[in-house]
Amino acid sequence: LREVKNVESKRLPSGRFVDAIDVETVIATCLRDGSALAIRDACIVAVMVGAGLREKELVHVNHGDYDLALGVIRVLVAKRRKQREAYLVARFDALLAKLLEVVDGLEGDPLVPRFSPKGEVMRPLRRLTTQSVNDAVGRLVIASGVRSFTPHDLRRTFITNQLAAGHEALRVARAVGHENPKTTMIYDRRTAESDRLA
């Protein structure tokens, strides 16, 4: 057994980086539709790619957890019960403001609520599930004709964008709720993207 060497293997990183054109295409598709459901779906994408939230974190954000003036989202239900403040990229503030106009709610109501099968706001407001977030993103990918991506790819994209903007790994790790910056670096897709462009 000592003479048998371990098999060395290197796996390709999972997921993908969602480029800005794909994100804008998906959001533009929602805004062309203009329905309350489409605006809600655009906000799912905006919050995940613009603040780096996980699906579970997104579905537990309430109206009272979002400060529109500062672009701050209080993440109170996170992995390992670690709470944090997430900062939404400023260009998505107007989109969330539009959602708040369409879906008015109380402080304890979900920020991004569930809709009926007919595409109507359900009253009282009800919380999405992580599966319904995945379903919404899947619908948007098909409707907009972009290359397939998952909600977690949007988180991966947020991390890559922050690192590419020159923010230090420790700061980005805090922003996304990672204990160790090494975990954050696993999400970095800058090398793969620069290789592809080369």
Protein backbone atom coordinates (compact mmCIF):
# COMPACT_ATOMS: atom_id res chain seq x y z
CA LEU A 1 0.00 0.00 0.00
CA ARG A 2 2.89 2.37 0.75
CA GLU A 3 4.21 1.83 -2.77
CA VAL A 4 0.91 2.87 -4.41
CA LYS A 5 0.92 6.61 -4.96
CA ASN A 6 -2.18 8.76 -4.57
CA VAL A 7 -3.93 9.63 -7.78
CA GLU A 8 -3.52 13.33 -8.40
CA SER A 9 -6.51 15.04 -9.91
CA LYS A 10 -7.62 18.58 -10.49
CA ARG A 11 -11.25 19.37 -11.06
CA LEU A 12 -12.53 22.27 -13.08
CA PRO A 13 -14.20 24.92 -10.92
CA SER A 14 -17.97 24.60 -10.72
CA GLY A 15 -20.36 27.25 -11.94
CA ARG A 16 -19.64 30.21 -14.15
CA PHE A 17 -19.09 33.94 -14.22
CA VAL A 18 -22.16 35.78 -15.56
CA ASP A 19 -20.93 38.71 -17.63
CA ALA A 20 -22.51 42.16 -17.41
CA ILE A 21 -24.16 41.81 -20.83
CA ASP A 22 -26.07 38.69 -19.72
CA VAL A 23 -27.15 40.37 -16.46
CA GLU A 24 -28.34 43.48 -18.31
CA THR A 25 -30.14 41.36 -20.93
CA VAL A 26 -32.05 39.47 -18.23
CA ILE A 27 -33.02 42.65 -16.39
CA ALA A 28 -33.99 44.43 -19.64
CA THR A 29 -36.22 41.45 -20.54
CA CYS A 30 -38.00 41.83 -17.18
CA LEU A 31 -38.41 45.59 -17.56
CA ARG A 32 -39.85 45.20 -21.08
CA ASP A 33 -42.44 42.83 -19.61
CA GLY A 34 -43.22 45.43 -16.94
CA SER A 35 -45.46 43.18 -14.82
CA ALA A 36 -45.08 43.11 -11.04
CA LEU A 37 -43.82 39.50 -11.28
CA ALA A 38 -41.16 40.48 -13.86
CA ILE A 39 -39.99 43.35 -11.65
CA ARG A 40 -39.80 40.95 -8.70
CA ASP A 41 -37.74 38.51 -10.79
CA ALA A 42 -35.39 41.29 -11.93
CA CYS A 43 -34.86 42.16 -8.25
CA ILE A 44 -33.94 38.55 -7.46
CA VAL A 45 -31.12 38.82 -10.01
CA ALA A 46 -30.16 42.34 -8.90
CA VAL A 47 -29.87 41.48 -5.20
CA MET A 48 -27.90 38.30 -5.83
CA VAL A 49 -25.44 39.78 -8.34
CA GLY A 50 -25.40 43.21 -6.69
CA ALA A 51 -24.91 42.16 -3.05
CA GLY A 52 -23.69 38.55 -3.24
CA LEU A 53 -26.53 37.00 -1.25
CA ARG A 54 -27.19 33.27 -1.14
CA GLU A 55 -30.69 32.01 -2.07
CA LYS A 56 -31.51 31.24 1.57
CA GLU A 57 -30.40 34.70 2.64
CA LEU A 58 -32.45 36.41 -0.07
CA VAL A 59 -35.72 34.71 0.82
CA HIS A 60 -35.38 35.80 4.47
CA VAL A 61 -34.73 39.50 3.80
CA ASN A 62 -37.68 41.61 5.01
CA HIS A 63 -38.82 45.09 4.03
CA GLY A 64 -37.39 46.40 7.29
CA ASP A 65 -33.98 44.87 6.50
CA TYR A 66 -33.41 47.04 3.42
CA ASP A 67 -32.37 50.68 3.73
CA LEU A 68 -33.05 52.22 0.32
CA ALA A 69 -31.23 55.48 1.13
CA LEU A 70 -27.96 53.71 2.02
CA GLY A 71 -28.31 50.60 -0.18
CA VAL A 72 -27.76 48.40 2.87
CA ILE A 73 -29.37 44.98 3.30
CA ARG A 74 -29.29 43.45 6.77
CA VAL A 75 -28.78 39.70 6.37
CA LEU A 76 -30.20 38.21 9.55
CA VAL A 77 -30.65 34.60 8.39
CA ALA A 78 -27.29 33.42 7.07
CA LYS A 79 -25.08 30.35 7.08
CA ARG A 80 -24.02 29.31 10.60
CA ARG A 81 -26.28 32.06 12.02
CA LYS A 82 -23.74 34.76 11.13
CA GLN A 83 -25.53 38.05 10.58
CA ARG A 84 -24.04 40.82 8.44
CA GLU A 85 -24.79 43.92 6.43
CA ALA A 86 -24.58 43.56 2.66
CA TYR A 87 -24.14 46.56 0.40
CA LEU A 88 -26.09 46.63 -2.83
CA VAL A 89 -24.25 47.91 -5.91
CA ALA A 90 -25.73 51.39 -6.46
CA ARG A 91 -26.98 50.80 -10.01
CA PHE A 92 -29.61 48.36 -8.68
CA ASP A 93 -31.14 50.74 -6.12
CA ALA A 94 -33.68 52.11 -8.62
CA LEU A 95 -34.83 48.59 -9.45
CA LEU A 96 -35.51 47.77 -5.80
CA ALA A 97 -37.26 51.11 -5.36
CA LYS A 98 -39.55 50.08 -8.23
CA LEU A 99 -40.32 46.79 -6.47
CA LEU A 100 -41.15 48.63 -3.26
CA GLU A 101 -43.65 50.78 -5.23
CA VAL A 102 -45.30 47.72 -6.79
CA VAL A 103 -45.26 45.51 -3.68
CA ASP A 104 -45.80 47.60 -0.58
CA GLY A 105 -45.29 45.67 2.61
CA LEU A 106 -44.84 45.95 6.34
CA GLU A 107 -41.46 45.84 8.06
CA GLY A 108 -41.69 42.09 8.73
CA ASP A 109 -42.94 41.16 5.24
CA PRO A 110 -40.56 39.55 2.75
CA LEU A 111 -38.77 42.06 0.52
CA VAL A 112 -39.01 39.73 -2.49
CA PRO A 113 -42.35 37.93 -2.02
CA ARG A 114 -44.08 34.95 -3.54
CA PHE A 115 -46.58 35.46 -6.36
CA SER A 116 -49.61 33.38 -7.32
CA PRO A 117 -49.45 31.04 -10.35
CA LYS A 118 -51.35 33.77 -12.25
CA GLY A 119 -48.54 36.25 -11.53
CA GLU A 120 -50.37 38.25 -8.89
CA VAL A 121 -49.05 39.44 -5.51
CA MET A 122 -50.35 37.14 -2.78
CA ARG A 123 -51.85 38.89 0.26
CA PRO A 124 -50.73 38.69 2.96
CA LEU A 125 -47.21 38.65 1.50
CA ARG A 126 -45.65 35.21 1.63
CA ARG A 127 -42.02 34.14 1.59
CA LEU A 128 -40.33 32.56 -1.42
CA THR A 129 -38.53 29.23 -1.13
CA THR A 130 -34.98 28.65 -2.38
CA GLN A 131 -36.46 26.37 -5.05
CA SER A 132 -38.74 29.14 -6.30
CA VAL A 133 -35.68 31.43 -6.58
CA ASN A 134 -33.98 28.77 -8.73
CA ASP A 135 -37.16 28.38 -10.81
CA ALA A 136 -37.43 32.14 -11.35
CA VAL A 137 -33.81 32.39 -12.51
CA GLY A 138 -34.33 29.42 -14.84
CA ARG A 139 -37.40 31.11 -16.38
CA LEU A 140 -35.45 34.34 -16.88
CA VAL A 141 -32.57 32.54 -18.61
CA ILE A 142 -34.99 30.95 -21.09
CA ALA A 143 -37.00 34.16 -21.65
CA SER A 144 -33.92 36.29 -22.27
CA GLY A 145 -31.99 33.73 -24.34
CA VAL A 146 -28.71 34.03 -22.40
CA ARG A 147 -26.38 31.16 -21.55
CA SER A 148 -27.65 29.20 -18.55
CA PHE A 149 -26.66 30.28 -15.04
CA THR A 150 -27.79 29.56 -11.49
CA PRO A 151 -28.48 31.85 -8.53
CA HIS A 152 -25.16 30.77 -7.02
CA ASP A 153 -23.39 31.85 -10.22
CA LEU A 154 -24.69 35.37 -9.49
CA ARG A 155 -23.02 35.24 -6.06
CA ARG A 156 -19.85 33.95 -7.74
CA THR A 157 -20.07 36.87 -10.18
CA PHE A 158 -20.44 39.41 -7.37
CA ILE A 159 -17.29 38.09 -5.70
CA THR A 160 -15.32 38.09 -8.96
CA ASN A 161 -16.42 41.65 -9.76
CA GLN A 162 -15.43 42.91 -6.31
CA LEU A 163 -11.99 41.30 -6.53
CA ALA A 164 -11.53 42.61 -10.09
CA ALA A 165 -12.38 46.11 -8.82
CA GLY A 166 -9.35 45.87 -6.52
CA HIS A 167 -11.09 45.20 -3.21
CA GLU A 168 -9.01 43.07 -0.88
CA ALA A 169 -10.10 39.46 -0.32
CA LEU A 170 -10.68 39.99 3.42
CA ARG A 171 -13.15 42.80 2.76
CA VAL A 172 -14.97 40.78 0.09
CA ALA A 173 -15.08 37.76 2.43
CA ARG A 174 -16.79 39.91 5.08
CA ALA A 175 -19.24 41.25 2.49
CA VAL A 176 -20.40 37.75 1.50
CA GLY A 177 -20.23 36.13 4.94
CA HIS A 178 -17.15 33.92 4.51
CA GLU A 179 -15.05 33.22 7.59
CA ASN A 180 -11.91 32.65 5.57
CA PRO A 181 -10.76 34.68 2.52
CA LYS A 182 -9.44 31.43 1.04
CA THR A 183 -13.07 30.34 0.59
CA THR A 184 -13.79 33.63 -1.17
CA MET A 185 -10.88 33.08 -3.57
CA ILE A 186 -12.39 29.75 -4.68
CA TYR A 187 -15.23 31.81 -6.21
CA ASP A 188 -12.84 34.04 -8.19
CA ARG A 189 -13.28 33.56 -11.94
CA ARG A 190 -10.92 36.28 -13.19
CA THR A 191 -8.27 33.86 -14.44
CA ALA A 192 -10.76 31.72 -16.35
CA GLU A 193 -12.34 34.80 -17.95
CA SER A 194 -8.99 36.35 -18.94
CA ASP A 195 -7.88 32.99 -20.40
CA ARG A 196 -11.08 32.83 -22.44
CA LEU A 197 -10.61 36.37 -23.77
CA ALA A 198 -6.95 35.67 -24.62
